[in-house]
Amino acid sequence: MARRRGEQVPQALLAIREAGREATRELRATLQALRDDDTTPPHGLDHVAVLVERACALGLDATLTIEGQRHDVPTTVGRTAYRIIQESLTNIARHADAATASVRIHCRPDALVIRIDDDGKAAPETTPTPGVGLLGMRERVTALGGRLRAEPRRQGGGFTVQAELPVDQTA
C-alpha cells in the first residue's frame, strides 16, 4: 500500500513480506508431499535416478551410486529415502551454491544407508539452521527408527546428509 502512495517501505516490512512468501512456498511443497493421490503410486527408490537427472538438468554435476545387494524394502523406507534425497537436492540447488553433488545408497541386509554430499559453501564452523526440510527429514527417519546426520563437511567444505533407515523393523 505504501508503494502505491509513493512512500518508502521500511526494510523490516520487506523482510516480513519475503518471509511470508517463503513460508507459503514451503507450505505448498509440504502439502504437495503429503497429498495422497491414489492414482499415482508413491515415489520410492526406483525414482531416485530421475531426481538426480533433474538436478543435472539444472546445472548441478550430480551422480548416483548404488552399492550392495539391492533388495526389496518396505514402501515406507523407499518413500522416505526418496524424500530425503529430493529435499537434499532441493536444498543444494537453493542454498549451497554447489557445483557437484553425490548421492550414494548403500543397501545392507538390515538397513538402507543414504548419503548426499555437496561441495557448496557450507563450512565446518557453521551451524546449519534447521528449516522445515531438515526437520521433516528428521521426523521421517525417526518414525522409522533410523538415524539422521545433517551437517557441514569437516574437510573441503560443503554439506552432508546421511540417513540410516532400518529395513527389518518396518516390514
C-alpha atoms as a PDB file:
ATOM      1  CA  MET A   1       0.000   0.000   0.000  1.00  0.00           C
ATOM      2  CA  ALA A   2       2.839   2.387   0.849  1.00  0.00           C
ATOM      3  CA  ARG A   3       4.402   1.811  -2.567  1.00  0.00           C
ATOM      4  CA  ARG A   4       1.156   2.732  -4.300  1.00  0.00           C
ATOM      5  CA  ARG A   5       1.208   6.038  -2.469  1.00  0.00           C
ATOM      6  CA  GLY A   6       4.848   6.611  -3.413  1.00  0.00           C
ATOM      7  CA  GLU A   7       6.086   6.145   0.154  1.00  0.00           C
ATOM      8  CA  GLN A   8       9.243   4.289   1.088  1.00  0.00           C
ATOM      9  CA  VAL A   9       8.629   0.842   2.559  1.00  0.00           C
ATOM     10  CA  PRO A  10      10.672   0.044   5.688  1.00  0.00           C
ATOM     11  CA  GLN A  11      13.187  -2.808   5.302  1.00  0.00           C
ATOM     12  CA  ALA A  12      11.533  -4.695   8.156  1.00  0.00           C
ATOM     13  CA  LEU A  13       8.257  -4.844   6.256  1.00  0.00           C
ATOM     14  CA  LEU A  14      10.011  -6.016   3.102  1.00  0.00           C
ATOM     15  CA  ALA A  15      11.738  -8.755   5.113  1.00  0.00           C
ATOM     16  CA  ILE A  16       8.419  -9.815   6.649  1.00  0.00           C
ATOM     17  CA  ARG A  17       6.819  -9.944   3.203  1.00  0.00           C
ATOM     18  CA  GLU A  18       9.659 -12.109   1.854  1.00  0.00           C
ATOM     19  CA  ALA A  19       9.486 -14.422   4.889  1.00  0.00           C
ATOM     20  CA  GLY A  20       5.759 -14.810   4.312  1.00  0.00           C
ATOM     21  CA  ARG A  21       6.308 -15.670   0.660  1.00  0.00           C
ATOM     22  CA  GLU A  22       8.971 -18.235   1.571  1.00  0.00           C
ATOM     23  CA  ALA A  23       6.678 -19.769   4.203  1.00  0.00           C
ATOM     24  CA  THR A  24       3.914 -20.031   1.615  1.00  0.00           C
ATOM     25  CA  ARG A  25       6.254 -21.762  -0.858  1.00  0.00           C
ATOM     26  CA  GLU A  26       7.390 -24.231   1.812  1.00  0.00           C
ATOM     27  CA  LEU A  27       3.812 -24.891   2.917  1.00  0.00           C
ATOM     28  CA  ARG A  28       2.773 -25.616  -0.666  1.00  0.00           C
ATOM     29  CA  ALA A  29       5.718 -28.004  -1.077  1.00  0.00           C
ATOM     30  CA  THR A  30       4.810 -29.739   2.182  1.00  0.00           C
ATOM     31  CA  LEU A  31       1.172 -30.087   1.208  1.00  0.00           C
ATOM     32  CA  GLN A  32       2.203 -31.487  -2.162  1.00  0.00           C
ATOM     33  CA  ALA A  33       4.431 -34.033  -0.406  1.00  0.00           C
ATOM     34  CA  LEU A  34       1.648 -35.016   1.983  1.00  0.00           C
ATOM     35  CA  ARG A  35      -1.059 -35.198  -0.669  1.00  0.00           C
ATOM     36  CA  ASP A  36      -2.173 -38.775  -1.132  1.00  0.00           C
ATOM     37  CA  ASP A  37      -3.078 -39.382  -4.745  1.00  0.00           C
ATOM     38  CA  ASP A  38      -4.424 -42.915  -5.156  1.00  0.00           C
ATOM     39  CA  THR A  39      -3.962 -42.784  -8.920  1.00  0.00           C
ATOM     40  CA  THR A  40      -0.180 -42.448  -8.667  1.00  0.00           C
ATOM     41  CA  PRO A  41       1.914 -44.822  -6.594  1.00  0.00           C
ATOM     42  CA  PRO A  42       4.251 -43.077  -4.142  1.00  0.00           C
ATOM     43  CA  HIS A  43       7.756 -42.451  -5.422  1.00  0.00           C
ATOM     44  CA  GLY A  44      10.444 -44.668  -3.972  1.00  0.00           C
ATOM     45  CA  LEU A  45      13.930 -45.911  -4.730  1.00  0.00           C
ATOM     46  CA  ASP A  46      13.074 -46.656  -8.356  1.00  0.00           C
ATOM     47  CA  HIS A  47      12.560 -42.936  -8.979  1.00  0.00           C
ATOM     48  CA  VAL A  48      15.768 -41.628  -7.374  1.00  0.00           C
ATOM     49  CA  ALA A  49      17.615 -41.608 -10.716  1.00  0.00           C
ATOM     50  CA  VAL A  50      15.002 -39.157 -12.036  1.00  0.00           C
ATOM     51  CA  LEU A  51      15.769 -36.786  -9.141  1.00  0.00           C
ATOM     52  CA  VAL A  52      19.474 -36.900  -9.951  1.00  0.00           C
ATOM     53  CA  GLU A  53      18.765 -36.331 -13.660  1.00  0.00           C
ATOM     54  CA  ARG A  54      16.650 -33.280 -12.791  1.00  0.00           C
ATOM     55  CA  ALA A  55      19.473 -31.886 -10.657  1.00  0.00           C
ATOM     56  CA  CYS A  56      21.830 -32.344 -13.624  1.00  0.00           C
ATOM     57  CA  ALA A  57      19.360 -30.578 -15.916  1.00  0.00           C
ATOM     58  CA  LEU A  58      19.507 -27.597 -13.541  1.00  0.00           C
ATOM     59  CA  GLY A  59      23.287 -27.404 -13.966  1.00  0.00           C
ATOM     60  CA  LEU A  60      24.456 -29.420 -10.966  1.00  0.00           C
ATOM     61  CA  ASP A  61      27.055 -32.117 -11.660  1.00  0.00           C
ATOM     62  CA  ALA A  62      25.200 -34.815  -9.714  1.00  0.00           C
ATOM     63  CA  THR A  63      25.999 -38.520  -9.527  1.00  0.00           C
ATOM     64  CA  LEU A  64      24.154 -41.551  -8.188  1.00  0.00           C
ATOM     65  CA  THR A  65      25.901 -44.642  -6.818  1.00  0.00           C
ATOM     66  CA  ILE A  66      24.079 -47.693  -5.501  1.00  0.00           C
ATOM     67  CA  GLU A  67      26.182 -50.161  -3.519  1.00  0.00           C
ATOM     68  CA  GLY A  68      25.410 -53.550  -2.048  1.00  0.00           C
ATOM     69  CA  GLN A  69      22.867 -56.155  -2.992  1.00  0.00           C
ATOM     70  CA  ARG A  70      19.623 -54.412  -3.948  1.00  0.00           C
ATOM     71  CA  HIS A  71      16.633 -55.986  -2.224  1.00  0.00           C
ATOM     72  CA  ASP A  72      13.008 -55.118  -1.663  1.00  0.00           C
ATOM     73  CA  VAL A  73      12.487 -52.619   1.112  1.00  0.00           C
ATOM     74  CA  PRO A  74       9.212 -51.655   2.774  1.00  0.00           C
ATOM     75  CA  THR A  75       7.322 -48.948   0.887  1.00  0.00           C
ATOM     76  CA  THR A  76       7.721 -46.512   3.788  1.00  0.00           C
ATOM     77  CA  VAL A  77      11.510 -46.930   3.696  1.00  0.00           C
ATOM     78  CA  GLY A  78      11.671 -46.420  -0.071  1.00  0.00           C
ATOM     79  CA  ARG A  79       9.407 -43.381   0.109  1.00  0.00           C
ATOM     80  CA  THR A  80      11.430 -41.888   2.972  1.00  0.00           C
ATOM     81  CA  ALA A  81      14.689 -42.440   1.081  1.00  0.00           C
ATOM     82  CA  TYR A  82      13.207 -40.704  -1.963  1.00  0.00           C
ATOM     83  CA  ARG A  83      12.007 -37.725   0.101  1.00  0.00           C
ATOM     84  CA  ILE A  84      15.379 -37.317   1.840  1.00  0.00           C
ATOM     85  CA  ILE A  85      17.209 -37.308  -1.484  1.00  0.00           C
ATOM     86  CA  GLN A  86      14.614 -34.966  -3.009  1.00  0.00           C
ATOM     87  CA  GLU A  87      14.853 -32.498  -0.128  1.00  0.00           C
ATOM     88  CA  SER A  88      18.647 -32.669  -0.056  1.00  0.00           C
ATOM     89  CA  LEU A  89      18.983 -31.959  -3.777  1.00  0.00           C
ATOM     90  CA  THR A  90      16.433 -29.144  -3.472  1.00  0.00           C
ATOM     91  CA  ASN A  91      18.414 -27.622  -0.596  1.00  0.00           C
ATOM     92  CA  ILE A  92      21.631 -27.898  -2.600  1.00  0.00           C
ATOM     93  CA  ALA A  93      20.025 -26.090  -5.541  1.00  0.00           C
ATOM     94  CA  ARG A  94      18.516 -23.364  -3.335  1.00  0.00           C
ATOM     95  CA  HIS A  95      21.171 -22.711  -0.722  1.00  0.00           C
ATOM     96  CA  ALA A  96      24.522 -24.387  -1.335  1.00  0.00           C
ATOM     97  CA  ASP A  97      25.958 -22.628  -4.376  1.00  0.00           C
ATOM     98  CA  ALA A  98      27.442 -26.045  -5.197  1.00  0.00           C
ATOM     99  CA  ALA A  99      28.942 -27.311  -8.447  1.00  0.00           C
ATOM    100  CA  THR A 100      28.757 -31.019  -7.592  1.00  0.00           C
ATOM    101  CA  ALA A 101      26.642 -33.388  -5.545  1.00  0.00           C
ATOM    102  CA  SER A 102      26.839 -37.119  -4.978  1.00  0.00           C
ATOM    103  CA  VAL A 103      24.016 -39.392  -3.911  1.00  0.00           C
ATOM    104  CA  ARG A 104      25.084 -42.760  -2.526  1.00  0.00           C
ATOM    105  CA  ILE A 105      22.718 -45.512  -1.498  1.00  0.00           C
ATOM    106  CA  HIS A 106      24.194 -48.479   0.341  1.00  0.00           C
ATOM    107  CA  CYS A 107      21.870 -51.481   0.517  1.00  0.00           C
ATOM    108  CA  ARG A 108      22.581 -53.612   3.568  1.00  0.00           C
ATOM    109  CA  PRO A 109      20.509 -56.577   4.763  1.00  0.00           C
ATOM    110  CA  ASP A 110      19.450 -54.659   7.882  1.00  0.00           C
ATOM    111  CA  ALA A 111      19.353 -51.058   6.647  1.00  0.00           C
ATOM    112  CA  LEU A 112      19.366 -48.660   3.758  1.00  0.00           C
ATOM    113  CA  VAL A 113      22.072 -46.017   4.167  1.00  0.00           C
ATOM    114  CA  ILE A 114      21.744 -42.830   2.135  1.00  0.00           C
ATOM    115  CA  ARG A 115      24.427 -40.173   1.895  1.00  0.00           C
ATOM    116  CA  ILE A 116      24.230 -36.935  -0.061  1.00  0.00           C
ATOM    117  CA  ASP A 117      27.327 -34.714  -0.266  1.00  0.00           C
ATOM    118  CA  ASP A 118      27.843 -31.394  -1.995  1.00  0.00           C
ATOM    119  CA  ASP A 119      30.787 -29.051  -2.484  1.00  0.00           C
ATOM    120  CA  GLY A 120      28.821 -25.933  -1.629  1.00  0.00           C
ATOM    121  CA  LYS A 121      29.575 -23.001   0.609  1.00  0.00           C
ATOM    122  CA  ALA A 122      28.834 -24.624   3.996  1.00  0.00           C
ATOM    123  CA  ALA A 123      31.901 -24.634   6.230  1.00  0.00           C
ATOM    124  CA  PRO A 124      32.698 -26.837   9.263  1.00  0.00           C
ATOM    125  CA  GLU A 125      32.467 -23.906  11.667  1.00  0.00           C
ATOM    126  CA  THR A 126      28.935 -23.016  10.573  1.00  0.00           C
ATOM    127  CA  THR A 127      25.880 -24.446  12.250  1.00  0.00           C
ATOM    128  CA  PRO A 128      23.037 -25.275   9.876  1.00  0.00           C
ATOM    129  CA  THR A 129      19.776 -23.524  10.592  1.00  0.00           C
ATOM    130  CA  PRO A 130      17.202 -26.288  10.774  1.00  0.00           C
ATOM    131  CA  GLY A 131      14.433 -25.387   8.388  1.00  0.00           C
ATOM    132  CA  VAL A 132      11.229 -27.196   7.608  1.00  0.00           C
ATOM    133  CA  GLY A 133      13.033 -29.543   5.203  1.00  0.00           C
ATOM    134  CA  LEU A 134      15.638 -30.767   7.692  1.00  0.00           C
ATOM    135  CA  LEU A 135      13.029 -31.113  10.416  1.00  0.00           C
ATOM    136  CA  GLY A 136      10.794 -33.103   8.077  1.00  0.00           C
ATOM    137  CA  MET A 137      13.694 -35.401   7.201  1.00  0.00           C
ATOM    138  CA  ARG A 138      14.467 -35.968  10.871  1.00  0.00           C
ATOM    139  CA  GLU A 139      10.815 -36.737  11.661  1.00  0.00           C
ATOM    140  CA  ARG A 140      10.534 -39.239   8.802  1.00  0.00           C
ATOM    141  CA  VAL A 141      13.759 -41.017   9.775  1.00  0.00           C
ATOM    142  CA  THR A 142      12.890 -41.088  13.482  1.00  0.00           C
ATOM    143  CA  ALA A 143       9.441 -42.512  12.729  1.00  0.00           C
ATOM    144  CA  LEU A 144      11.186 -45.493  11.096  1.00  0.00           C
ATOM    145  CA  GLY A 145      13.618 -45.953  13.993  1.00  0.00           C
ATOM    146  CA  GLY A 146      16.538 -44.637  11.957  1.00  0.00           C
ATOM    147  CA  ARG A 147      19.261 -42.034  12.373  1.00  0.00           C
ATOM    148  CA  LEU A 148      19.912 -38.795  10.507  1.00  0.00           C
ATOM    149  CA  ARG A 149      23.023 -36.653  10.384  1.00  0.00           C
ATOM    150  CA  ALA A 150      22.974 -33.332   8.523  1.00  0.00           C
ATOM    151  CA  GLU A 151      26.000 -31.074   8.897  1.00  0.00           C
ATOM    152  CA  PRO A 152      28.784 -29.197   7.128  1.00  0.00           C
ATOM    153  CA  ARG A 153      31.595 -31.484   5.971  1.00  0.00           C
ATOM    154  CA  ARG A 154      34.730 -31.455   8.072  1.00  0.00           C
ATOM    155  CA  GLN A 155      37.139 -31.249   5.145  1.00  0.00           C
ATOM    156  CA  GLY A 156      36.818 -29.327   1.923  1.00  0.00           C
ATOM    157  CA  GLY A 157      33.587 -27.502   2.695  1.00  0.00           C
ATOM    158  CA  GLY A 158      30.145 -28.489   1.565  1.00  0.00           C
ATOM    159  CA  PHE A 159      27.353 -30.284   3.357  1.00  0.00           C
ATOM    160  CA  THR A 160      26.487 -33.911   4.127  1.00  0.00           C
ATOM    161  CA  VAL A 161      23.141 -35.534   4.809  1.00  0.00           C
ATOM    162  CA  GLN A 162      23.312 -39.153   5.918  1.00  0.00           C
ATOM    163  CA  ALA A 163      20.349 -41.297   6.883  1.00  0.00           C
ATOM    164  CA  GLU A 164      20.271 -44.874   8.075  1.00  0.00           C
ATOM    165  CA  LEU A 165      16.859 -46.460   7.631  1.00  0.00           C
ATOM    166  CA  PRO A 166      16.292 -49.887   9.192  1.00  0.00           C
ATOM    167  CA  VAL A 167      14.518 -52.290   6.876  1.00  0.00           C
ATOM    168  CA  ASP A 168      13.828 -55.130   9.289  1.00  0.00           C
ATOM    169  CA  GLN A 169      11.830 -53.143  11.879  1.00  0.00           C
ATOM    170  CA  THR A 170       9.419 -51.557   9.416  1.00  0.00           C
ATOM    171  CA  ALA A 171       8.272 -54.562   7.424  1.00  0.00           C
END
